[in-house]
C-alpha cells in the first residue's frame, strides 16, 4: 500500500507517460477514426456552442466535425488533468523539504512548468507533432490548479493539527 501513497513513484510514472506520449506521432495517437464510428447527432446541439480559436486555428463543430472536436477536447482535457495531477504530486514532494509554504507552491509550479516546456520541446523532435505555447499555458494552468488545491489542503490540515493556544498557524509545512 505504501507504493500507492508514494508521490515520487506517481511523478515518475507521469514523466514516463509524458515522454512516450510526446514521442508518438499524431497519426499513431489519433482517436478520430474510432470516434467517427459513433453517432454524435445527440451531442451536436451542445458541440455547436463550442467556437473559439486555439493556436491560431478555429475550434468549432463546423471546422473540425463532431469526431475531430471531441478528440480535440479530450486531448486538451488530458493536458489539464495530467498536469493537475503532476502539480498536486509535486507540492506533496516539495513539501518534504521544509521550505516556506509559499516557496513550496512556487517551486512546485516552476518544476511543473519546466516539465511542460520540455514536453513541448520533445514534441518538436517528433514527426507529425507541433509544439504549442498554448499547450504550455494549459499545462501550467492545470498544474497551478492542482498545486493550489493540494497546497490549500495541506495548509488547512497543518493548521488543524499544529495550532497554538493563540490560534496562530505556522506558515511552514
N, C-alpha and C. Protein backbone atom coordinates (compact mmCIF):
# COMPACT_ATOMS: atom_id res chain seq x y z
N UNK A 1 0.81 -1.20 0.00
CA UNK A 1 0.00 0.00 0.00
C UNK A 1 0.86 1.27 0.00
N UNK A 2 2.10 1.19 0.52
CA UNK A 2 2.99 2.34 0.55
C UNK A 2 3.26 2.85 -0.86
N UNK A 3 3.36 1.93 -1.83
CA UNK A 3 3.65 2.33 -3.20
C UNK A 3 2.57 3.27 -3.73
N UNK A 4 1.32 3.02 -3.41
CA UNK A 4 0.24 3.88 -3.89
C UNK A 4 0.27 5.26 -3.25
N UNK A 5 0.87 5.37 -2.07
CA UNK A 5 0.92 6.64 -1.36
C UNK A 5 2.20 7.42 -1.64
N UNK A 6 3.17 6.83 -2.30
CA UNK A 6 4.44 7.49 -2.54
C UNK A 6 4.35 8.37 -3.79
N UNK A 7 4.38 9.69 -3.58
CA UNK A 7 4.22 10.61 -4.70
C UNK A 7 5.36 10.53 -5.70
N UNK A 8 6.55 10.14 -5.27
CA UNK A 8 7.69 10.07 -6.19
C UNK A 8 7.47 8.99 -7.26
N UNK A 9 6.85 7.90 -6.90
CA UNK A 9 6.54 6.85 -7.87
C UNK A 9 5.54 7.37 -8.89
N UNK A 10 4.50 8.05 -8.43
CA UNK A 10 3.49 8.59 -9.34
C UNK A 10 4.08 9.67 -10.24
N UNK A 11 4.94 10.53 -9.69
CA UNK A 11 5.61 11.55 -10.51
C UNK A 11 6.42 10.87 -11.61
N UNK A 12 7.17 9.85 -11.24
CA UNK A 12 7.96 9.11 -12.23
C UNK A 12 7.10 8.49 -13.31
N UNK A 13 5.97 7.91 -12.93
CA UNK A 13 5.07 7.31 -13.92
C UNK A 13 4.48 8.37 -14.86
N UNK A 14 4.14 9.52 -14.32
CA UNK A 14 3.62 10.60 -15.16
C UNK A 14 4.69 11.06 -16.14
N UNK A 15 5.93 11.24 -15.66
CA UNK A 15 7.01 11.68 -16.54
C UNK A 15 7.29 10.67 -17.65
N UNK A 16 7.27 9.39 -17.31
CA UNK A 16 7.46 8.35 -18.33
C UNK A 16 6.31 8.39 -19.34
N UNK A 17 5.09 8.52 -18.85
CA UNK A 17 3.93 8.61 -19.74
C UNK A 17 4.01 9.81 -20.66
N UNK A 18 4.42 10.97 -20.12
CA UNK A 18 4.58 12.17 -20.95
C UNK A 18 5.65 11.96 -22.02
N UNK A 19 6.75 11.33 -21.64
CA UNK A 19 7.84 11.10 -22.59
C UNK A 19 7.36 10.25 -23.76
N UNK A 20 6.70 9.15 -23.46
CA UNK A 20 6.24 8.27 -24.54
C UNK A 20 5.11 8.92 -25.35
N UNK A 21 4.26 9.66 -24.68
CA UNK A 21 3.17 10.33 -25.39
C UNK A 21 3.70 11.38 -26.36
N UNK A 22 4.66 12.19 -25.92
CA UNK A 22 5.18 13.23 -26.81
C UNK A 22 6.13 12.68 -27.86
N UNK A 23 6.56 11.44 -27.71
CA UNK A 23 7.42 10.80 -28.72
C UNK A 23 6.61 10.05 -29.77
N UNK A 24 5.30 10.01 -29.61
CA UNK A 24 4.44 9.26 -30.53
C UNK A 24 3.86 10.20 -31.58
N UNK A 25 4.02 9.88 -32.86
CA UNK A 25 3.43 10.72 -33.92
C UNK A 25 1.91 10.81 -33.77
N UNK A 26 1.36 11.92 -34.23
CA UNK A 26 -0.08 12.15 -34.09
C UNK A 26 -0.90 11.04 -34.73
N UNK A 27 -0.48 10.56 -35.88
CA UNK A 27 -1.27 9.53 -36.58
C UNK A 27 -1.39 8.25 -35.76
N UNK A 28 -0.40 7.98 -34.91
CA UNK A 28 -0.46 6.79 -34.05
C UNK A 28 -1.31 7.02 -32.80
N UNK A 29 -1.57 8.28 -32.47
CA UNK A 29 -2.34 8.62 -31.27
C UNK A 29 -3.78 9.00 -31.56
N UNK A 30 -4.05 9.39 -32.78
CA UNK A 30 -5.36 9.93 -33.13
C UNK A 30 -6.48 8.93 -32.81
N UNK A 31 -7.53 9.46 -32.21
CA UNK A 31 -8.71 8.62 -31.93
C UNK A 31 -9.91 9.08 -32.76
N UNK A 32 -9.64 9.91 -33.79
CA UNK A 32 -10.73 10.40 -34.64
C UNK A 32 -11.45 9.25 -35.33
N UNK A 33 -10.69 8.31 -35.87
CA UNK A 33 -11.30 7.20 -36.60
C UNK A 33 -12.30 6.40 -35.74
N UNK A 34 -11.91 5.98 -34.53
CA UNK A 34 -12.90 5.29 -33.69
C UNK A 34 -14.08 6.18 -33.30
N UNK A 35 -13.80 7.47 -33.08
CA UNK A 35 -14.88 8.39 -32.71
C UNK A 35 -15.87 8.60 -33.85
N UNK A 36 -15.38 8.50 -35.09
CA UNK A 36 -16.26 8.68 -36.25
C UNK A 36 -17.28 7.55 -36.38
N UNK A 37 -17.01 6.43 -35.77
CA UNK A 37 -17.95 5.30 -35.82
C UNK A 37 -19.15 5.48 -34.89
N UNK A 38 -19.08 6.48 -34.05
CA UNK A 38 -20.16 6.75 -33.09
C UNK A 38 -21.08 7.82 -33.68
N UNK A 39 -22.36 7.64 -33.49
CA UNK A 39 -23.34 8.63 -33.95
C UNK A 39 -23.42 9.75 -32.92
N UNK A 40 -22.91 10.92 -33.26
CA UNK A 40 -22.84 12.04 -32.34
C UNK A 40 -23.97 13.05 -32.53
N UNK A 41 -25.00 12.70 -33.27
CA UNK A 41 -26.08 13.68 -33.52
C UNK A 41 -26.73 14.17 -32.23
N UNK A 42 -26.79 13.33 -31.22
CA UNK A 42 -27.37 13.74 -29.93
C UNK A 42 -26.53 14.82 -29.25
N UNK A 43 -25.22 14.86 -29.54
CA UNK A 43 -24.32 15.82 -28.89
C UNK A 43 -24.10 17.08 -29.72
N UNK A 44 -24.52 17.06 -30.97
CA UNK A 44 -24.23 18.19 -31.86
C UNK A 44 -24.83 19.52 -31.40
N UNK A 45 -26.02 19.56 -30.78
CA UNK A 45 -26.50 20.85 -30.27
C UNK A 45 -25.56 21.45 -29.22
N UNK A 46 -24.97 20.61 -28.40
CA UNK A 46 -24.01 21.09 -27.39
C UNK A 46 -22.70 21.46 -28.06
N UNK A 47 -22.21 20.59 -28.95
CA UNK A 47 -20.94 20.84 -29.64
C UNK A 47 -21.01 22.09 -30.51
N UNK A 48 -22.20 22.42 -31.02
CA UNK A 48 -22.36 23.60 -31.87
C UNK A 48 -22.09 24.90 -31.11
N UNK A 49 -22.17 24.86 -29.79
CA UNK A 49 -21.91 26.06 -28.99
C UNK A 49 -20.41 26.31 -28.80
N UNK A 50 -19.59 25.32 -29.13
CA UNK A 50 -18.13 25.47 -28.99
C UNK A 50 -17.61 26.19 -30.22
N UNK A 51 -17.01 27.35 -30.00
CA UNK A 51 -16.47 28.13 -31.12
C UNK A 51 -15.43 29.11 -30.58
N UNK A 52 -14.17 28.80 -30.77
CA UNK A 52 -13.08 29.67 -30.33
C UNK A 52 -11.84 29.38 -31.17
N UNK A 53 -10.79 30.17 -30.95
CA UNK A 53 -9.51 29.95 -31.63
C UNK A 53 -8.52 29.37 -30.65
N UNK A 54 -7.73 28.44 -31.14
CA UNK A 54 -6.66 27.84 -30.34
C UNK A 54 -5.44 27.72 -31.23
N UNK A 55 -4.36 28.34 -30.84
CA UNK A 55 -3.10 28.31 -31.60
C UNK A 55 -3.31 28.83 -33.02
N UNK A 56 -4.15 29.85 -33.16
CA UNK A 56 -4.35 30.48 -34.44
C UNK A 56 -5.32 29.78 -35.37
N UNK A 57 -5.93 28.70 -34.92
CA UNK A 57 -6.87 27.97 -35.77
C UNK A 57 -8.23 27.88 -35.12
N UNK A 58 -9.28 27.74 -35.94
CA UNK A 58 -10.63 27.66 -35.39
C UNK A 58 -10.90 26.31 -34.72
N UNK A 59 -11.62 26.37 -33.63
CA UNK A 59 -12.07 25.16 -32.94
C UNK A 59 -13.59 25.27 -32.86
N UNK A 60 -14.24 24.50 -33.70
CA UNK A 60 -15.70 24.52 -33.75
C UNK A 60 -16.18 23.23 -34.40
N UNK A 61 -17.46 22.99 -34.27
CA UNK A 61 -18.07 21.83 -34.91
C UNK A 61 -17.94 21.93 -36.42
N UNK A 62 -18.13 23.12 -36.94
CA UNK A 62 -18.02 23.35 -38.38
C UNK A 62 -16.60 23.10 -38.89
N UNK A 63 -15.61 23.54 -38.15
CA UNK A 63 -14.22 23.42 -38.60
C UNK A 63 -13.66 22.01 -38.43
N UNK A 64 -14.05 21.31 -37.38
CA UNK A 64 -13.43 20.02 -37.07
C UNK A 64 -14.35 18.82 -37.25
N UNK A 65 -15.64 19.05 -37.29
CA UNK A 65 -16.57 17.93 -37.30
C UNK A 65 -16.74 17.39 -35.89
N UNK A 66 -17.73 16.55 -35.69
CA UNK A 66 -18.01 16.03 -34.34
C UNK A 66 -16.83 15.26 -33.76
N UNK A 67 -16.32 14.30 -34.51
CA UNK A 67 -15.23 13.46 -34.00
C UNK A 67 -13.96 14.27 -33.76
N UNK A 68 -13.64 15.17 -34.68
CA UNK A 68 -12.44 16.00 -34.53
C UNK A 68 -12.53 16.92 -33.33
N UNK A 69 -13.71 17.51 -33.11
CA UNK A 69 -13.90 18.41 -31.98
C UNK A 69 -13.83 17.65 -30.66
N UNK A 70 -14.47 16.49 -30.61
CA UNK A 70 -14.43 15.68 -29.39
C UNK A 70 -13.00 15.23 -29.10
N UNK A 71 -12.26 14.82 -30.13
CA UNK A 71 -10.87 14.43 -29.91
C UNK A 71 -10.05 15.62 -29.39
N UNK A 72 -10.25 16.80 -29.97
CA UNK A 72 -9.54 17.99 -29.52
C UNK A 72 -9.82 18.25 -28.04
N UNK A 73 -11.09 18.18 -27.65
CA UNK A 73 -11.46 18.43 -26.26
C UNK A 73 -10.88 17.37 -25.32
N UNK A 74 -10.86 16.12 -25.76
CA UNK A 74 -10.26 15.05 -24.96
C UNK A 74 -8.77 15.29 -24.78
N UNK A 75 -8.09 15.65 -25.87
CA UNK A 75 -6.64 15.87 -25.80
C UNK A 75 -6.30 17.04 -24.86
N UNK A 76 -7.06 18.11 -24.95
CA UNK A 76 -6.78 19.27 -24.10
C UNK A 76 -7.16 18.99 -22.65
N UNK A 77 -8.23 18.23 -22.43
CA UNK A 77 -8.58 17.82 -21.07
C UNK A 77 -7.49 16.94 -20.48
N UNK A 78 -6.87 16.12 -21.32
CA UNK A 78 -5.77 15.27 -20.86
C UNK A 78 -4.58 16.12 -20.44
N UNK A 79 -4.27 17.17 -21.22
CA UNK A 79 -3.19 18.10 -20.84
C UNK A 79 -3.46 18.64 -19.44
N UNK A 80 -4.66 19.20 -19.26
CA UNK A 80 -5.01 19.81 -17.99
C UNK A 80 -4.94 18.80 -16.85
N UNK A 81 -5.53 17.63 -17.05
CA UNK A 81 -5.63 16.62 -15.99
C UNK A 81 -4.28 16.07 -15.59
N UNK A 82 -3.44 15.76 -16.57
CA UNK A 82 -2.11 15.21 -16.26
C UNK A 82 -1.29 16.23 -15.47
N UNK A 83 -1.33 17.48 -15.88
CA UNK A 83 -0.54 18.49 -15.17
C UNK A 83 -1.19 18.91 -13.86
N UNK A 84 -2.50 18.78 -13.73
CA UNK A 84 -3.15 18.96 -12.43
C UNK A 84 -2.59 17.94 -11.44
N UNK A 85 -2.56 16.68 -11.87
CA UNK A 85 -2.03 15.61 -11.00
C UNK A 85 -0.55 15.82 -10.72
N UNK A 86 0.22 16.19 -11.75
CA UNK A 86 1.65 16.42 -11.56
C UNK A 86 1.88 17.56 -10.57
N UNK A 87 1.15 18.65 -10.72
CA UNK A 87 1.29 19.78 -9.80
C UNK A 87 0.97 19.38 -8.37
N UNK A 88 -0.12 18.64 -8.19
CA UNK A 88 -0.51 18.19 -6.85
C UNK A 88 0.56 17.30 -6.23
N UNK A 89 1.08 16.39 -7.03
CA UNK A 89 2.12 15.48 -6.53
C UNK A 89 3.43 16.22 -6.24
N UNK A 90 3.75 17.21 -7.06
CA UNK A 90 4.98 17.98 -6.82
C UNK A 90 4.88 18.79 -5.53
N UNK A 91 3.71 19.33 -5.22
CA UNK A 91 3.55 20.04 -3.95
C UNK A 91 3.81 19.10 -2.79
N UNK A 92 3.23 17.91 -2.88
CA UNK A 92 3.43 16.92 -1.81
C UNK A 92 4.90 16.57 -1.68
N UNK A 93 5.59 16.39 -2.81
CA UNK A 93 7.01 16.02 -2.78
C UNK A 93 7.87 17.17 -2.26
N UNK A 94 7.63 18.38 -2.76
CA UNK A 94 8.44 19.54 -2.35
C UNK A 94 8.17 19.91 -0.90
N UNK A 95 6.97 19.63 -0.41
CA UNK A 95 6.65 19.98 0.98
C UNK A 95 7.52 19.20 1.97
N UNK A 96 8.12 18.13 1.53
CA UNK A 96 9.03 17.38 2.40
C UNK A 96 10.32 18.13 2.69
N UNK A 97 10.63 19.17 1.90
CA UNK A 97 11.89 19.91 2.05
C UNK A 97 11.85 20.90 3.19
N UNK A 98 10.69 21.16 3.73
CA UNK A 98 10.51 22.12 4.82
C UNK A 98 10.72 23.57 4.37
N UNK A 99 10.55 23.82 3.07
CA UNK A 99 10.56 25.20 2.59
C UNK A 99 9.34 25.93 3.14
N UNK A 100 9.39 27.23 3.14
CA UNK A 100 8.23 28.04 3.48
C UNK A 100 7.09 27.65 2.53
N UNK A 101 5.86 27.71 3.01
CA UNK A 101 4.70 27.26 2.22
C UNK A 101 4.63 27.95 0.86
N UNK A 102 4.84 29.26 0.82
CA UNK A 102 4.79 29.99 -0.44
C UNK A 102 5.87 29.53 -1.41
N UNK A 103 7.07 29.31 -0.90
CA UNK A 103 8.16 28.82 -1.75
C UNK A 103 7.89 27.41 -2.24
N UNK A 104 7.26 26.61 -1.40
CA UNK A 104 6.91 25.25 -1.81
C UNK A 104 5.97 25.29 -3.01
N UNK A 105 4.95 26.13 -2.94
CA UNK A 105 4.00 26.24 -4.05
C UNK A 105 4.68 26.77 -5.31
N UNK A 106 5.50 27.80 -5.14
CA UNK A 106 6.19 28.40 -6.28
C UNK A 106 7.17 27.42 -6.92
N UNK A 107 7.92 26.70 -6.11
CA UNK A 107 8.89 25.73 -6.62
C UNK A 107 8.19 24.58 -7.34
N UNK A 108 7.09 24.10 -6.78
CA UNK A 108 6.32 23.03 -7.43
C UNK A 108 5.80 23.51 -8.78
N UNK A 109 5.31 24.75 -8.84
CA UNK A 109 4.80 25.30 -10.10
C UNK A 109 5.92 25.47 -11.12
N UNK A 110 7.09 25.94 -10.66
CA UNK A 110 8.24 26.09 -11.56
C UNK A 110 8.66 24.73 -12.12
N UNK A 111 8.67 23.71 -11.28
CA UNK A 111 9.01 22.36 -11.76
C UNK A 111 8.00 21.87 -12.80
N UNK A 112 6.72 22.07 -12.52
CA UNK A 112 5.68 21.63 -13.46
C UNK A 112 5.81 22.37 -14.79
N UNK A 113 6.09 23.67 -14.73
CA UNK A 113 6.27 24.44 -15.97
C UNK A 113 7.49 23.98 -16.74
N UNK A 114 8.55 23.63 -16.04
CA UNK A 114 9.75 23.11 -16.69
C UNK A 114 9.42 21.81 -17.42
N UNK A 115 8.66 20.95 -16.78
CA UNK A 115 8.24 19.69 -17.43
C UNK A 115 7.40 20.00 -18.67
N UNK A 116 6.49 20.97 -18.57
CA UNK A 116 5.63 21.33 -19.71
C UNK A 116 6.47 21.84 -20.88
N UNK A 117 7.45 22.67 -20.59
CA UNK A 117 8.32 23.21 -21.65
C UNK A 117 9.12 22.10 -22.31
N UNK A 118 9.71 21.23 -21.51
CA UNK A 118 10.48 20.12 -22.08
C UNK A 118 9.58 19.14 -22.84
N UNK A 119 8.34 18.97 -22.39
CA UNK A 119 7.40 18.10 -23.10
C UNK A 119 7.11 18.66 -24.49
N UNK A 120 6.87 19.96 -24.58
CA UNK A 120 6.62 20.57 -25.89
C UNK A 120 7.88 20.56 -26.75
N UNK A 121 9.04 20.77 -26.15
CA UNK A 121 10.29 20.68 -26.91
C UNK A 121 10.46 19.26 -27.48
N UNK A 122 10.18 18.28 -26.65
CA UNK A 122 10.29 16.88 -27.10
C UNK A 122 9.32 16.62 -28.25
N UNK A 123 8.14 17.20 -28.21
CA UNK A 123 7.19 17.06 -29.31
C UNK A 123 7.75 17.65 -30.60
N UNK A 124 8.55 18.72 -30.48
CA UNK A 124 9.11 19.34 -31.68
C UNK A 124 10.07 18.40 -32.41
N UNK A 125 10.59 17.41 -31.72
CA UNK A 125 11.50 16.44 -32.31
C UNK A 125 10.77 15.23 -32.89
N UNK A 126 9.46 15.19 -32.71
CA UNK A 126 8.64 14.05 -33.13
C UNK A 126 7.90 14.38 -34.41
N UNK A 127 7.94 13.48 -35.40
CA UNK A 127 7.18 13.72 -36.65
C UNK A 127 5.68 13.88 -36.36
N UNK A 128 5.05 14.74 -37.13
CA UNK A 128 3.61 14.99 -37.06
C UNK A 128 3.16 15.66 -35.76
N UNK A 129 4.08 16.17 -34.98
CA UNK A 129 3.72 16.84 -33.72
C UNK A 129 4.17 18.28 -33.79
N UNK A 130 3.38 19.16 -33.22
CA UNK A 130 3.68 20.59 -33.22
C UNK A 130 3.73 21.09 -31.79
N UNK A 131 4.85 21.68 -31.38
CA UNK A 131 4.89 22.26 -30.04
C UNK A 131 4.10 23.57 -30.02
N UNK A 132 3.27 23.74 -29.01
CA UNK A 132 2.43 24.93 -28.92
C UNK A 132 2.60 25.62 -27.57
N UNK A 133 2.81 26.93 -27.62
CA UNK A 133 2.89 27.71 -26.38
C UNK A 133 1.54 27.63 -25.64
N UNK A 134 0.46 27.50 -26.39
CA UNK A 134 -0.87 27.39 -25.76
C UNK A 134 -0.97 26.13 -24.92
N UNK A 135 -0.33 25.05 -25.36
CA UNK A 135 -0.34 23.82 -24.57
C UNK A 135 0.47 24.00 -23.28
N UNK A 136 1.57 24.74 -23.37
CA UNK A 136 2.35 25.03 -22.16
C UNK A 136 1.50 25.83 -21.18
N UNK A 137 0.76 26.81 -21.70
CA UNK A 137 -0.10 27.62 -20.84
C UNK A 137 -1.21 26.77 -20.21
N UNK A 138 -1.79 25.87 -20.98
CA UNK A 138 -2.82 24.97 -20.46
C UNK A 138 -2.24 24.05 -19.39
N UNK A 139 -1.06 23.50 -19.67
CA UNK A 139 -0.38 22.65 -18.69
C UNK A 139 -0.09 23.42 -17.41
N UNK A 140 0.39 24.66 -17.57
CA UNK A 140 0.72 25.50 -16.42
C UNK A 140 -0.52 25.79 -15.58
N UNK A 141 -1.64 26.05 -16.24
CA UNK A 141 -2.89 26.31 -15.52
C UNK A 141 -3.36 25.06 -14.78
N UNK A 142 -3.27 23.91 -15.43
CA UNK A 142 -3.64 22.65 -14.78
C UNK A 142 -2.78 22.40 -13.55
N UNK A 143 -1.47 22.62 -13.70
CA UNK A 143 -0.55 22.43 -12.57
C UNK A 143 -0.89 23.40 -11.44
N UNK A 144 -1.16 24.66 -11.78
CA UNK A 144 -1.49 25.66 -10.76
C UNK A 144 -2.74 25.26 -9.99
N UNK A 145 -3.74 24.74 -10.69
CA UNK A 145 -4.97 24.29 -10.01
C UNK A 145 -4.68 23.14 -9.05
N UNK A 146 -3.90 22.16 -9.48
CA UNK A 146 -3.53 21.04 -8.61
C UNK A 146 -2.71 21.49 -7.42
N UNK A 147 -1.78 22.41 -7.68
CA UNK A 147 -0.92 22.93 -6.62
C UNK A 147 -1.74 23.69 -5.58
N UNK A 148 -2.64 24.54 -6.04
CA UNK A 148 -3.44 25.32 -5.10
C UNK A 148 -4.40 24.44 -4.30
N UNK A 149 -4.96 23.43 -4.95
CA UNK A 149 -5.88 22.53 -4.24
C UNK A 149 -5.14 21.76 -3.15
N UNK A 150 -4.06 21.10 -3.50
CA UNK A 150 -3.32 20.30 -2.52
C UNK A 150 -2.59 21.21 -1.52
N UNK A 151 -2.05 22.33 -2.00
CA UNK A 151 -1.40 23.27 -1.08
C UNK A 151 -2.38 23.79 -0.04
N UNK A 152 -3.58 24.14 -0.48
CA UNK A 152 -4.61 24.59 0.46
C UNK A 152 -5.00 23.50 1.44
N UNK A 153 -5.13 22.29 0.93
CA UNK A 153 -5.47 21.16 1.80
C UNK A 153 -4.38 20.93 2.84
N UNK A 154 -3.11 20.96 2.41
CA UNK A 154 -2.00 20.74 3.35
C UNK A 154 -1.93 21.85 4.39
N UNK A 155 -2.16 23.09 3.96
CA UNK A 155 -2.14 24.21 4.89
C UNK A 155 -3.29 24.09 5.90
N UNK A 156 -4.47 23.72 5.43
CA UNK A 156 -5.62 23.52 6.30
C UNK A 156 -5.36 22.38 7.29
N UNK A 157 -4.82 21.28 6.77
CA UNK A 157 -4.53 20.12 7.62
C UNK A 157 -3.49 20.48 8.68
N UNK A 158 -2.46 21.21 8.28
CA UNK A 158 -1.42 21.61 9.22
C UNK A 158 -1.99 22.56 10.26
N UNK A 159 -2.86 23.46 9.84
CA UNK A 159 -3.47 24.41 10.76
C UNK A 159 -4.32 23.73 11.82
N UNK A 160 -4.98 22.66 11.45
CA UNK A 160 -5.83 21.94 12.40
C UNK A 160 -5.00 21.15 13.40
N UNK A 161 -3.82 20.68 12.99
CA UNK A 161 -3.02 19.82 13.86
C UNK A 161 -1.91 20.55 14.61
N UNK A 162 -1.51 21.73 14.16
CA UNK A 162 -0.38 22.42 14.79
C UNK A 162 -0.76 23.81 15.27
N UNK A 163 -1.96 23.99 15.69
CA UNK A 163 -2.43 25.30 16.13
C UNK A 163 -1.98 25.53 17.58
N UNK A 164 -1.44 26.71 17.81
CA UNK A 164 -1.05 27.03 19.19
C UNK A 164 -2.27 27.56 19.94
N UNK A 165 -2.10 27.84 21.21
CA UNK A 165 -3.22 28.32 22.03
C UNK A 165 -3.76 29.65 21.50
N UNK A 166 -2.89 30.47 20.93
CA UNK A 166 -3.34 31.77 20.45
C UNK A 166 -4.05 31.67 19.10
N UNK A 167 -4.04 30.49 18.49
CA UNK A 167 -4.68 30.32 17.20
C UNK A 167 -3.75 30.60 16.03
N UNK A 168 -2.48 30.94 16.31
CA UNK A 168 -1.53 31.22 15.24
C UNK A 168 -1.17 29.94 14.50
N UNK A 169 -1.16 30.03 13.19
CA UNK A 169 -0.80 28.88 12.36
C UNK A 169 0.55 29.17 11.73
N UNK A 170 1.49 28.28 11.92
CA UNK A 170 2.82 28.43 11.34
C UNK A 170 2.74 28.39 9.82
N UNK A 171 3.44 29.29 9.10
CA UNK A 171 3.38 29.29 7.64
C UNK A 171 4.23 28.22 6.99
N UNK A 172 4.89 27.38 7.75
CA UNK A 172 5.73 26.32 7.18
C UNK A 172 4.98 25.00 7.20
N UNK A 173 5.35 24.10 6.26
CA UNK A 173 4.77 22.75 6.24
C UNK A 173 5.71 21.81 6.91
